[in-house]
Amino acid sequence: MRAPRALIPLFAVCGAAAVVAVAGAGAAIEGLPDVGSAHADGVRAVPGATITATTWNVCADALAGCPLGAAPAELGKRIPQRMRGIEVGGRKVDATAVFLQEVCSGHVNVLKNVPSMRGWTWAFAPSGGSCTDGQGRLGVALGTRAPMTGVRHVRLPAPARHERVAVCGDVARWHARVCATQLSAPRWDDDPIGDWRAKQVKRLTGELAGAERAILGGDLGERPESPSLDPLYQAYGECDQGPGPARTGSGTLQNARGQAVEKTDYLFASKSAGVSCGVPERADTASDHRPLTAVIRFRRPAEPITDQPANPSR
């Protein structure tokens, strides 16, 4: 595992929700959530939050030549193992938010019963295709250790016969909106030029717009420098993008020999967050993608940004 940058400050503030104050009452208006008191300068007292997010294309499609596509039960055992003891910034962490792609609905049912993940909230959105051995539909999944509400499936524009979707939800404890997705593939029979991916990115950016805090994870099928990803890079920070405006990142997509050949997996977060990112150096034998993990620290609005890169060298 390389030593990634730790808690790199990202210096923009995402849109905040409106605050309704009741003069002298100190209580929430009936029917509206109690969002807490405001500071003297008008900044809302939103608590800080630290989330460890992992995105992983688990490659459960038996027709795509996935390593364990024909053995979904074995893959189901590997998924929760990958979510524990992840090394980020030189220390071991466990995921508190999980974004999965090419996952079976049956895998989500397994994850709901994993002892270390009991109490999590899970959401699944099918995106076409079926898994073998009665493991249900293929799709994308989203899991959070904190309660998640307002779960919705966001249909993305896509070429005929290639359904694409995002699954999103709101986590009140983190004051954050979270979304998991997989965009159109660059295959000749799907979206080789990237026109559809560009449309999908615009739709996703619109879905996240206005959220107090946002995290998007998924396999976006593009390299970082692709113009299709411009709206996301302009609105959010990607956990492995390099210093300043650089758009880089360690490879996550593997070739047949298990070598990481390019980055197609991403974790975007509101630019007000501090982020540390990590990708395993060893090949992943369960999938053709390596998982990408970020420790994302959302500060209180009035909290100064003081974190500095622990290891600015790549």
C-alpha atoms as a PDB file:
ATOM      1  CA  MET A   1       0.000   0.000   0.000  1.00  0.00           C
ATOM      2  CA  ARG A   2       1.426   3.343  -0.973  1.00  0.00           C
ATOM      3  CA  ALA A   3       1.357   6.136   1.591  1.00  0.00           C
ATOM      4  CA  PRO A   4      -1.416   8.437   0.282  1.00  0.00           C
ATOM      5  CA  ARG A   5      -1.924  12.070   1.101  1.00  0.00           C
ATOM      6  CA  ALA A   6      -3.602  12.542   4.462  1.00  0.00           C
ATOM      7  CA  LEU A   7      -6.406  15.003   5.086  1.00  0.00           C
ATOM      8  CA  ILE A   8      -5.661  17.253   2.124  1.00  0.00           C
ATOM      9  CA  PRO A   9      -7.733  20.448   2.510  1.00  0.00           C
ATOM     10  CA  LEU A  10     -10.210  21.159  -0.241  1.00  0.00           C
ATOM     11  CA  PHE A  11     -11.164  24.815  -0.206  1.00  0.00           C
ATOM     12  CA  ALA A  12     -14.701  25.375  -1.415  1.00  0.00           C
ATOM     13  CA  VAL A  13     -17.950  25.300   0.490  1.00  0.00           C
ATOM     14  CA  CYS A  14     -20.928  23.382  -0.794  1.00  0.00           C
ATOM     15  CA  GLY A  15     -24.428  24.794  -0.684  1.00  0.00           C
ATOM     16  CA  ALA A  16     -26.022  24.883   2.756  1.00  0.00           C
ATOM     17  CA  ALA A  17     -29.654  24.196   3.517  1.00  0.00           C
ATOM     18  CA  ALA A  18     -31.773  27.098   4.677  1.00  0.00           C
ATOM     19  CA  VAL A  19     -32.106  27.609   8.438  1.00  0.00           C
ATOM     20  CA  VAL A  20     -35.392  28.698   9.972  1.00  0.00           C
ATOM     21  CA  ALA A  21     -34.886  30.422  13.343  1.00  0.00           C
ATOM     22  CA  VAL A  22     -37.599  30.946  15.906  1.00  0.00           C
ATOM     23  CA  ALA A  23     -36.848  34.156  17.754  1.00  0.00           C
ATOM     24  CA  GLY A  24     -36.682  33.593  21.497  1.00  0.00           C
ATOM     25  CA  ALA A  25     -38.387  30.201  21.280  1.00  0.00           C
ATOM     26  CA  GLY A  26     -35.389  27.879  20.963  1.00  0.00           C
ATOM     27  CA  ALA A  27     -37.582  25.156  19.456  1.00  0.00           C
ATOM     28  CA  ALA A  28     -38.096  23.776  15.951  1.00  0.00           C
ATOM     29  CA  ILE A  29     -41.221  24.728  14.029  1.00  0.00           C
ATOM     30  CA  GLU A  30     -43.604  21.793  13.944  1.00  0.00           C
ATOM     31  CA  GLY A  31     -43.088  19.690  10.844  1.00  0.00           C
ATOM     32  CA  LEU A  32     -39.546  20.944  10.239  1.00  0.00           C
ATOM     33  CA  PRO A  33     -36.371  19.248  11.485  1.00  0.00           C
ATOM     34  CA  ASP A  34     -34.498  20.733  14.432  1.00  0.00           C
ATOM     35  CA  VAL A  35     -31.241  21.737  12.734  1.00  0.00           C
ATOM     36  CA  GLY A  36     -29.617  23.115  15.872  1.00  0.00           C
ATOM     37  CA  SER A  37     -28.671  26.597  16.943  1.00  0.00           C
ATOM     38  CA  ALA A  38     -26.749  29.105  14.852  1.00  0.00           C
ATOM     39  CA  HIS A  39     -23.492  30.854  15.686  1.00  0.00           C
ATOM     40  CA  ALA A  40     -23.490  34.571  16.343  1.00  0.00           C
ATOM     41  CA  ASP A  41     -22.188  35.183  12.828  1.00  0.00           C
ATOM     42  CA  GLY A  42     -25.069  33.256  11.276  1.00  0.00           C
ATOM     43  CA  VAL A  43     -23.134  30.039  10.540  1.00  0.00           C
ATOM     44  CA  ARG A  44     -25.226  27.014  11.359  1.00  0.00           C
ATOM     45  CA  ALA A  45     -23.940  24.749  14.121  1.00  0.00           C
ATOM     46  CA  VAL A  46     -23.569  21.658  11.956  1.00  0.00           C
ATOM     47  CA  PRO A  47     -21.465  19.000  13.692  1.00  0.00           C
ATOM     48  CA  GLY A  48     -18.316  17.659  12.122  1.00  0.00           C
ATOM     49  CA  ALA A  49     -18.315  14.132  10.715  1.00  0.00           C
ATOM     50  CA  THR A  50     -15.670  11.636   9.632  1.00  0.00           C
ATOM     51  CA  ILE A  51     -16.674   8.979   7.096  1.00  0.00           C
ATOM     52  CA  THR A  52     -14.555   6.132   5.760  1.00  0.00           C
ATOM     53  CA  ALA A  53     -15.933   5.461   2.279  1.00  0.00           C
ATOM     54  CA  THR A  54     -15.028   2.546   0.012  1.00  0.00           C
ATOM     55  CA  THR A  55     -16.077   2.194  -3.613  1.00  0.00           C
ATOM     56  CA  TRP A  56     -15.555  -1.111  -5.415  1.00  0.00           C
ATOM     57  CA  ASN A  57     -16.711  -2.646  -8.677  1.00  0.00           C
ATOM     58  CA  VAL A  58     -16.982  -6.236  -7.438  1.00  0.00           C
ATOM     59  CA  CYS A  59     -17.416  -7.688 -10.966  1.00  0.00           C
ATOM     60  CA  ALA A  60     -20.212 -10.186 -10.355  1.00  0.00           C
ATOM     61  CA  ASP A  61     -21.218 -10.434 -14.023  1.00  0.00           C
ATOM     62  CA  ALA A  62     -20.677 -14.035 -15.159  1.00  0.00           C
ATOM     63  CA  LEU A  63     -20.971 -12.989 -18.816  1.00  0.00           C
ATOM     64  CA  ALA A  64     -18.161 -10.422 -18.535  1.00  0.00           C
ATOM     65  CA  GLY A  65     -15.408 -12.857 -17.603  1.00  0.00           C
ATOM     66  CA  CYS A  66     -15.237 -11.703 -13.978  1.00  0.00           C
ATOM     67  CA  PRO A  67     -12.912 -13.760 -11.730  1.00  0.00           C
ATOM     68  CA  LEU A  68     -15.764 -14.834  -9.427  1.00  0.00           C
ATOM     69  CA  GLY A  69     -18.718 -14.067 -11.676  1.00  0.00           C
ATOM     70  CA  ALA A  70     -19.561 -17.762 -11.840  1.00  0.00           C
ATOM     71  CA  ALA A  71     -19.082 -18.151  -8.073  1.00  0.00           C
ATOM     72  CA  PRO A  72     -21.229 -15.399  -6.541  1.00  0.00           C
ATOM     73  CA  ALA A  73     -21.430 -17.120  -3.153  1.00  0.00           C
ATOM     74  CA  GLU A  74     -17.643 -16.968  -2.789  1.00  0.00           C
ATOM     75  CA  LEU A  75     -17.651 -13.355  -3.933  1.00  0.00           C
ATOM     76  CA  GLY A  76     -20.271 -12.624  -1.284  1.00  0.00           C
ATOM     77  CA  LYS A  77     -17.757 -13.728   1.376  1.00  0.00           C
ATOM     78  CA  ARG A  78     -15.006 -11.537  -0.058  1.00  0.00           C
ATOM     79  CA  ILE A  79     -17.001  -8.297  -0.079  1.00  0.00           C
ATOM     80  CA  PRO A  80     -17.298  -7.777   3.717  1.00  0.00           C
ATOM     81  CA  GLN A  81     -13.675  -8.851   4.114  1.00  0.00           C
ATOM     82  CA  ARG A  82     -12.607  -5.995   1.839  1.00  0.00           C
ATOM     83  CA  MET A  83     -14.501  -3.504   3.990  1.00  0.00           C
ATOM     84  CA  ARG A  84     -12.404  -4.182   7.095  1.00  0.00           C
ATOM     85  CA  GLY A  85      -8.815  -3.347   7.953  1.00  0.00           C
ATOM     86  CA  ILE A  86      -8.300  -1.043   4.968  1.00  0.00           C
ATOM     87  CA  GLU A  87      -5.038   0.882   5.012  1.00  0.00           C
ATOM     88  CA  VAL A  88      -5.367   4.612   4.383  1.00  0.00           C
ATOM     89  CA  GLY A  89      -2.664   7.099   5.267  1.00  0.00           C
ATOM     90  CA  GLY A  90      -0.597   4.401   6.961  1.00  0.00           C
ATOM     91  CA  ARG A  91      -3.319   3.231   9.354  1.00  0.00           C
ATOM     92  CA  LYS A  92      -6.008   0.556   9.308  1.00  0.00           C
ATOM     93  CA  VAL A  93      -9.637   1.670   9.109  1.00  0.00           C
ATOM     94  CA  ASP A  94     -13.036   0.027   8.641  1.00  0.00           C
ATOM     95  CA  ALA A  95     -15.531   1.341   6.106  1.00  0.00           C
ATOM     96  CA  THR A  96     -18.547   3.287   7.355  1.00  0.00           C
ATOM     97  CA  ALA A  97     -19.962   3.913   3.856  1.00  0.00           C
ATOM     98  CA  VAL A  98     -19.819   1.444   0.971  1.00  0.00           C
ATOM     99  CA  PHE A  99     -20.459   2.048  -2.748  1.00  0.00           C
ATOM    100  CA  LEU A 100     -20.648  -1.139  -4.849  1.00  0.00           C
ATOM    101  CA  GLN A 101     -21.046  -1.709  -8.580  1.00  0.00           C
ATOM    102  CA  GLU A 102     -21.781  -4.869 -10.606  1.00  0.00           C
ATOM    103  CA  VAL A 103     -23.011  -6.379  -7.373  1.00  0.00           C
ATOM    104  CA  CYS A 104     -25.805  -8.934  -6.973  1.00  0.00           C
ATOM    105  CA  SER A 105     -28.946  -8.181  -5.015  1.00  0.00           C
ATOM    106  CA  GLY A 106     -28.213 -11.458  -3.220  1.00  0.00           C
ATOM    107  CA  HIS A 107     -24.899 -10.028  -2.042  1.00  0.00           C
ATOM    108  CA  VAL A 108     -26.717  -7.144  -0.398  1.00  0.00           C
ATOM    109  CA  ASN A 109     -28.891  -9.635   1.490  1.00  0.00           C
ATOM    110  CA  VAL A 110     -25.705 -11.337   2.706  1.00  0.00           C
ATOM    111  CA  LEU A 111     -24.212  -8.020   3.819  1.00  0.00           C
ATOM    112  CA  LYS A 112     -27.317  -7.242   5.868  1.00  0.00           C
ATOM    113  CA  ASN A 113     -26.569 -10.316   7.997  1.00  0.00           C
ATOM    114  CA  VAL A 114     -22.824  -9.859   8.435  1.00  0.00           C
ATOM    115  CA  PRO A 115     -22.313  -9.439  12.218  1.00  0.00           C
ATOM    116  CA  SER A 116     -19.936  -6.498  11.844  1.00  0.00           C
ATOM    117  CA  MET A 117     -22.456  -4.730   9.578  1.00  0.00           C
ATOM    118  CA  ARG A 118     -25.674  -5.301  11.474  1.00  0.00           C
ATOM    119  CA  GLY A 119     -27.491  -2.045  11.958  1.00  0.00           C
ATOM    120  CA  TRP A 120     -26.302  -0.660   8.624  1.00  0.00           C
ATOM    121  CA  THR A 121     -28.775   0.746   6.107  1.00  0.00           C
ATOM    122  CA  TRP A 122     -28.562  -0.805   2.623  1.00  0.00           C
ATOM    123  CA  ALA A 123     -30.070   0.212  -0.700  1.00  0.00           C
ATOM    124  CA  PHE A 124     -29.862  -1.576  -4.061  1.00  0.00           C
ATOM    125  CA  ALA A 125     -30.817  -0.471  -7.577  1.00  0.00           C
ATOM    126  CA  PRO A 126     -30.881  -2.972 -10.469  1.00  0.00           C
ATOM    127  CA  SER A 127     -29.178  -1.921 -13.680  1.00  0.00           C
ATOM    128  CA  GLY A 128     -29.860  -4.862 -15.961  1.00  0.00           C
ATOM    129  CA  GLY A 129     -28.579  -8.415 -16.136  1.00  0.00           C
ATOM    130  CA  SER A 130     -28.826 -11.336 -13.744  1.00  0.00           C
ATOM    131  CA  CYS A 131     -26.407 -13.139 -11.461  1.00  0.00           C
ATOM    132  CA  THR A 132     -25.856 -16.882 -11.485  1.00  0.00           C
ATOM    133  CA  ASP A 133     -26.918 -19.385  -8.802  1.00  0.00           C
ATOM    134  CA  GLY A 134     -30.072 -17.494  -7.922  1.00  0.00           C
ATOM    135  CA  GLN A 135     -28.220 -14.439  -6.611  1.00  0.00           C
ATOM    136  CA  GLY A 136     -30.722 -12.046  -8.153  1.00  0.00           C
ATOM    137  CA  ARG A 137     -30.155  -8.976 -10.310  1.00  0.00           C
ATOM    138  CA  LEU A 138     -26.975  -7.073 -11.106  1.00  0.00           C
ATOM    139  CA  GLY A 139     -26.850  -3.451 -10.030  1.00  0.00           C
ATOM    140  CA  VAL A 140     -25.357  -0.872  -7.723  1.00  0.00           C
ATOM    141  CA  ALA A 141     -25.578  -0.807  -3.937  1.00  0.00           C
ATOM    142  CA  LEU A 142     -25.091   1.730  -1.189  1.00  0.00           C
ATOM    143  CA  GLY A 143     -24.543   1.008   2.495  1.00  0.00           C
ATOM    144  CA  THR A 144     -24.051   3.309   5.485  1.00  0.00           C
ATOM    145  CA  ARG A 145     -23.316   2.582   9.122  1.00  0.00           C
ATOM    146  CA  ALA A 146     -25.459   5.575  10.116  1.00  0.00           C
ATOM    147  CA  PRO A 147     -29.197   5.529   9.325  1.00  0.00           C
ATOM    148  CA  MET A 148     -30.020   6.536   5.751  1.00  0.00           C
ATOM    149  CA  THR A 149     -33.364   7.939   4.612  1.00  0.00           C
ATOM    150  CA  GLY A 150     -34.904   9.271   1.431  1.00  0.00           C
ATOM    151  CA  VAL A 151     -33.438   6.465  -0.674  1.00  0.00           C
ATOM    152  CA  ARG A 152     -34.122   6.946  -4.367  1.00  0.00           C
ATOM    153  CA  HIS A 153     -33.141   5.452  -7.703  1.00  0.00           C
ATOM    154  CA  VAL A 154     -31.898   8.058 -10.149  1.00  0.00           C
ATOM    155  CA  ARG A 155     -32.332   6.932 -13.744  1.00  0.00           C
ATOM    156  CA  LEU A 156     -29.484   8.150 -15.909  1.00  0.00           C
ATOM    157  CA  PRO A 157     -29.645   8.844 -19.656  1.00  0.00           C
ATOM    158  CA  ALA A 158     -28.201   5.842 -21.452  1.00  0.00           C
ATOM    159  CA  PRO A 159     -28.058   4.200 -24.884  1.00  0.00           C
ATOM    160  CA  ALA A 160     -30.750   1.714 -25.829  1.00  0.00           C
ATOM    161  CA  ARG A 161     -30.564  -1.656 -24.061  1.00  0.00           C
ATOM    162  CA  HIS A 162     -28.022  -0.342 -21.528  1.00  0.00           C
ATOM    163  CA  GLU A 163     -29.779   0.729 -18.351  1.00  0.00           C
ATOM    164  CA  ARG A 164     -27.792   3.004 -16.005  1.00  0.00           C
ATOM    165  CA  VAL A 165     -28.827   4.139 -12.540  1.00  0.00           C
ATOM    166  CA  ALA A 166     -27.564   5.730  -9.340  1.00  0.00           C
ATOM    167  CA  VAL A 167     -28.853   4.917  -5.865  1.00  0.00           C
ATOM    168  CA  CYS A 168     -28.822   7.865  -3.464  1.00  0.00           C
ATOM    169  CA  GLY A 169     -29.837   8.602   0.103  1.00  0.00           C
ATOM    170  CA  ASP A 170     -29.489  11.151   2.887  1.00  0.00           C
ATOM    171  CA  VAL A 171     -27.636  10.541   6.145  1.00  0.00           C
ATOM    172  CA  ALA A 172     -28.852  13.049   8.730  1.00  0.00           C
ATOM    173  CA  ARG A 173     -26.101  12.187  11.226  1.00  0.00           C
ATOM    174  CA  TRP A 174     -23.496  13.275   8.667  1.00  0.00           C
ATOM    175  CA  HIS A 175     -25.656  16.034   7.138  1.00  0.00           C
ATOM    176  CA  ALA A 176     -24.702  14.424   3.819  1.00  0.00           C
ATOM    177  CA  ARG A 177     -26.182  13.090   0.598  1.00  0.00           C
ATOM    178  CA  VAL A 178     -24.511   9.923  -0.685  1.00  0.00           C
ATOM    179  CA  CYS A 179     -24.783   8.305  -4.133  1.00  0.00           C
ATOM    180  CA  ALA A 180     -23.380   5.136  -5.719  1.00  0.00           C
ATOM    181  CA  THR A 181     -23.336   4.622  -9.468  1.00  0.00           C
ATOM    182  CA  GLN A 182     -21.750   2.988 -12.501  1.00  0.00           C
ATOM    183  CA  LEU A 183     -21.676   4.916 -15.753  1.00  0.00           C
ATOM    184  CA  SER A 184     -21.804   3.557 -19.291  1.00  0.00           C
ATOM    185  CA  ALA A 185     -18.845   1.426 -20.319  1.00  0.00           C
ATOM    186  CA  PRO A 186     -16.430   2.550 -23.063  1.00  0.00           C
ATOM    187  CA  ARG A 187     -17.078  -0.661 -25.015  1.00  0.00           C
ATOM    188  CA  TRP A 188     -17.905  -0.418 -28.715  1.00  0.00           C
ATOM    189  CA  ASP A 189     -21.462  -1.615 -28.035  1.00  0.00           C
ATOM    190  CA  ASP A 190     -22.175   0.781 -25.167  1.00  0.00           C
ATOM    191  CA  ASP A 191     -20.611   4.264 -25.131  1.00  0.00           C
ATOM    192  CA  PRO A 192     -17.229   4.212 -26.936  1.00  0.00           C
ATOM    193  CA  ILE A 193     -17.042   7.996 -27.465  1.00  0.00           C
ATOM    194  CA  GLY A 194     -18.293   9.026 -24.029  1.00  0.00           C
ATOM    195  CA  ASP A 195     -21.272  11.154 -25.064  1.00  0.00           C
ATOM    196  CA  TRP A 196     -23.610   9.257 -22.736  1.00  0.00           C
ATOM    197  CA  ARG A 197     -21.172   9.396 -19.822  1.00  0.00           C
ATOM    198  CA  ALA A 198     -21.077  13.184 -20.195  1.00  0.00           C
ATOM    199  CA  LYS A 199     -24.891  13.306 -19.962  1.00  0.00           C
ATOM    200  CA  GLN A 200     -24.860  10.959 -16.969  1.00  0.00           C
ATOM    201  CA  VAL A 201     -22.319  13.118 -15.116  1.00  0.00           C
ATOM    202  CA  LYS A 202     -24.488  16.195 -15.636  1.00  0.00           C
ATOM    203  CA  ARG A 203     -27.508  14.339 -14.250  1.00  0.00           C
ATOM    204  CA  LEU A 204     -25.555  13.187 -11.204  1.00  0.00           C
ATOM    205  CA  THR A 205     -24.160  16.646 -10.548  1.00  0.00           C
ATOM    206  CA  GLY A 206     -27.695  17.991 -10.602  1.00  0.00           C
ATOM    207  CA  GLU A 207     -28.850  15.318  -8.162  1.00  0.00           C
ATOM    208  CA  LEU A 208     -26.121  16.290  -5.689  1.00  0.00           C
ATOM    209  CA  ALA A 209     -26.501  20.054  -6.160  1.00  0.00           C
ATOM    210  CA  GLY A 210     -27.789  21.845  -3.104  1.00  0.00           C
ATOM    211  CA  ALA A 211     -26.800  19.077  -0.694  1.00  0.00           C
ATOM    212  CA  GLU A 212     -25.129  20.422   2.414  1.00  0.00           C
ATOM    213  CA  ARG A 213     -22.435  17.762   2.059  1.00  0.00           C
ATOM    214  CA  ALA A 214     -22.100  15.180  -0.693  1.00  0.00           C
ATOM    215  CA  ILE A 215     -20.200  11.974  -1.423  1.00  0.00           C
ATOM    216  CA  LEU A 216     -20.350  10.184  -4.783  1.00  0.00           C
ATOM    217  CA  GLY A 217     -18.645   6.846  -5.345  1.00  0.00           C
ATOM    218  CA  GLY A 218     -18.522   4.618  -8.368  1.00  0.00           C
ATOM    219  CA  ASP A 219     -16.984   3.220 -11.522  1.00  0.00           C
ATOM    220  CA  LEU A 220     -17.266   6.104 -13.972  1.00  0.00           C
ATOM    221  CA  GLY A 221     -15.609   4.346 -16.921  1.00  0.00           C
ATOM    222  CA  GLU A 222     -13.314   7.313 -17.671  1.00  0.00           C
ATOM    223  CA  ARG A 223      -9.772   8.416 -16.941  1.00  0.00           C
ATOM    224  CA  PRO A 224      -9.428  11.498 -14.698  1.00  0.00           C
ATOM    225  CA  GLU A 225      -8.461  13.837 -17.540  1.00  0.00           C
ATOM    226  CA  SER A 226     -11.647  13.110 -19.515  1.00  0.00           C
ATOM    227  CA  PRO A 227     -13.741  16.250 -20.253  1.00  0.00           C
ATOM    228  CA  SER A 228     -16.818  14.170 -19.400  1.00  0.00           C
ATOM    229  CA  LEU A 229     -15.858  14.444 -15.730  1.00  0.00           C
ATOM    230  CA  ASP A 230     -15.393  18.232 -15.763  1.00  0.00           C
ATOM    231  CA  PRO A 231     -18.670  19.025 -13.919  1.00  0.00           C
ATOM    232  CA  LEU A 232     -17.740  16.715 -11.033  1.00  0.00           C
ATOM    233  CA  TYR A 233     -14.190  18.029 -10.718  1.00  0.00           C
ATOM    234  CA  GLN A 234     -15.461  21.608 -10.835  1.00  0.00           C
ATOM    235  CA  ALA A 235     -18.087  21.083  -8.130  1.00  0.00           C
ATOM    236  CA  TYR A 236     -16.333  18.541  -5.897  1.00  0.00           C
ATOM    237  CA  GLY A 237     -12.928  17.217  -4.896  1.00  0.00           C
ATOM    238  CA  GLU A 238     -11.825  13.702  -5.867  1.00  0.00           C
ATOM    239  CA  CYS A 239      -9.956  11.879  -3.133  1.00  0.00           C
ATOM    240  CA  ASP A 240      -6.904  10.942  -5.247  1.00  0.00           C
ATOM    241  CA  GLN A 241      -6.717  13.861  -7.665  1.00  0.00           C
ATOM    242  CA  GLY A 242      -3.320  15.263  -6.703  1.00  0.00           C
ATOM    243  CA  PRO A 243      -2.335  18.763  -5.564  1.00  0.00           C
ATOM    244  CA  GLY A 244      -4.188  21.834  -6.807  1.00  0.00           C
ATOM    245  CA  PRO A 245      -6.077  21.332 -10.062  1.00  0.00           C
ATOM    246  CA  ALA A 246      -4.193  18.131 -10.976  1.00  0.00           C
ATOM    247  CA  ARG A 247      -6.434  15.277 -12.094  1.00  0.00           C
ATOM    248  CA  THR A 248      -4.530  12.066 -11.462  1.00  0.00           C
ATOM    249  CA  GLY A 249      -4.862   9.000  -9.255  1.00  0.00           C
ATOM    250  CA  SER A 250      -3.626   5.466  -8.763  1.00  0.00           C
ATOM    251  CA  GLY A 251      -4.924   2.800 -11.121  1.00  0.00           C
ATOM    252  CA  THR A 252      -7.972   0.835 -10.019  1.00  0.00           C
ATOM    253  CA  LEU A 253      -8.852  -1.136 -13.175  1.00  0.00           C
ATOM    254  CA  GLN A 254      -6.766  -4.295 -13.574  1.00  0.00           C
ATOM    255  CA  ASN A 255      -5.719  -6.197 -16.692  1.00  0.00           C
ATOM    256  CA  ALA A 256      -5.782  -9.971 -17.054  1.00  0.00           C
ATOM    257  CA  ARG A 257      -2.469 -10.232 -15.172  1.00  0.00           C
ATOM    258  CA  GLY A 258      -3.798  -8.268 -12.200  1.00  0.00           C
ATOM    259  CA  GLN A 259      -1.810  -5.138 -13.007  1.00  0.00           C
ATOM    260  CA  ALA A 260      -3.514  -1.802 -12.295  1.00  0.00           C
ATOM    261  CA  VAL A 261      -3.624  -0.114 -15.706  1.00  0.00           C
ATOM    262  CA  GLU A 262      -5.789   2.989 -15.235  1.00  0.00           C
ATOM    263  CA  LYS A 263      -8.077   4.825 -12.852  1.00  0.00           C
ATOM    264  CA  THR A 264     -11.802   4.456 -13.528  1.00  0.00           C
ATOM    265  CA  ASP A 265     -13.092   4.391  -9.925  1.00  0.00           C
ATOM    266  CA  TYR A 266     -13.738   7.598  -7.996  1.00  0.00           C
ATOM    267  CA  LEU A 267     -14.791   9.073  -4.678  1.00  0.00           C
ATOM    268  CA  PHE A 268     -15.938  12.698  -4.937  1.00  0.00           C
ATOM    269  CA  ALA A 269     -16.782  14.783  -1.865  1.00  0.00           C
ATOM    270  CA  SER A 270     -17.705  18.377  -1.142  1.00  0.00           C
ATOM    271  CA  LYS A 271     -14.631  20.582  -1.389  1.00  0.00           C
ATOM    272  CA  SER A 272     -15.084  21.732   2.198  1.00  0.00           C
ATOM    273  CA  ALA A 273     -13.836  18.303   3.352  1.00  0.00           C
ATOM    274  CA  GLY A 274     -10.372  17.076   4.186  1.00  0.00           C
ATOM    275  CA  VAL A 275      -9.551  13.781   2.475  1.00  0.00           C
ATOM    276  CA  SER A 276      -7.042  10.931   2.695  1.00  0.00           C
ATOM    277  CA  CYS A 277      -7.121   8.283  -0.042  1.00  0.00           C
ATOM    278  CA  GLY A 278      -5.735   4.781  -0.614  1.00  0.00           C
ATOM    279  CA  VAL A 279      -5.670   2.001  -3.232  1.00  0.00           C
ATOM    280  CA  PRO A 280      -4.151  -1.442  -2.491  1.00  0.00           C
ATOM    281  CA  GLU A 281      -0.834  -2.110  -4.194  1.00  0.00           C
ATOM    282  CA  ARG A 282      -1.541  -5.823  -4.523  1.00  0.00           C
ATOM    283  CA  ALA A 283      -3.781  -7.284  -7.207  1.00  0.00           C
ATOM    284  CA  ASP A 284      -7.354  -8.103  -6.233  1.00  0.00           C
ATOM    285  CA  THR A 285      -8.155 -11.691  -7.164  1.00  0.00           C
ATOM    286  CA  ALA A 286     -11.914 -11.350  -6.599  1.00  0.00           C
ATOM    287  CA  SER A 287     -12.529  -8.646  -9.201  1.00  0.00           C
ATOM    288  CA  ASP A 288     -10.997  -6.816 -12.150  1.00  0.00           C
ATOM    289  CA  HIS A 289     -11.067  -3.628 -10.047  1.00  0.00           C
ATOM    290  CA  ARG A 290      -9.216  -2.685  -6.885  1.00  0.00           C
ATOM    291  CA  PRO A 291     -11.223  -0.959  -4.154  1.00  0.00           C
ATOM    292  CA  LEU A 292     -10.684   2.747  -3.548  1.00  0.00           C
ATOM    293  CA  THR A 293     -11.032   4.041   0.025  1.00  0.00           C
ATOM    294  CA  ALA A 294     -11.122   7.576   1.414  1.00  0.00           C
ATOM    295  CA  VAL A 295     -11.266   8.964   4.933  1.00  0.00           C
ATOM    296  CA  ILE A 296     -13.424  12.068   4.545  1.00  0.00           C
ATOM    297  CA  ARG A 297     -13.556  14.639   7.317  1.00  0.00           C
ATOM    298  CA  PHE A 298     -16.322  17.212   7.216  1.00  0.00           C
ATOM    299  CA  ARG A 299     -15.579  20.053   9.614  1.00  0.00           C
ATOM    300  CA  ARG A 300     -17.991  22.313  11.441  1.00  0.00           C
ATOM    301  CA  PRO A 301     -18.719  25.388   9.284  1.00  0.00           C
ATOM    302  CA  ALA A 302     -16.797  27.717  11.602  1.00  0.00           C
ATOM    303  CA  GLU A 303     -13.860  25.319  12.111  1.00  0.00           C
ATOM    304  CA  PRO A 304     -10.640  26.528  10.489  1.00  0.00           C
ATOM    305  CA  ILE A 305      -8.914  24.313   7.940  1.00  0.00           C
ATOM    306  CA  THR A 306      -5.573  23.481   9.479  1.00  0.00           C
ATOM    307  CA  ASP A 307      -4.789  19.994   8.189  1.00  0.00           C
ATOM    308  CA  GLN A 308      -1.714  19.653   6.008  1.00  0.00           C
ATOM    309  CA  PRO A 309      -0.648  16.755   3.771  1.00  0.00           C
ATOM    310  CA  ALA A 310       1.108  14.135   5.874  1.00  0.00           C
ATOM    311  CA  ASN A 311       2.991  12.875   2.833  1.00  0.00           C
ATOM    312  CA  PRO A 312       2.767  15.257  -0.134  1.00  0.00           C
ATOM    313  CA  SER A 313       5.026  13.078  -2.268  1.00  0.00           C
ATOM    314  CA  ARG A 314       3.285  10.498  -4.425  1.00  0.00           C
END
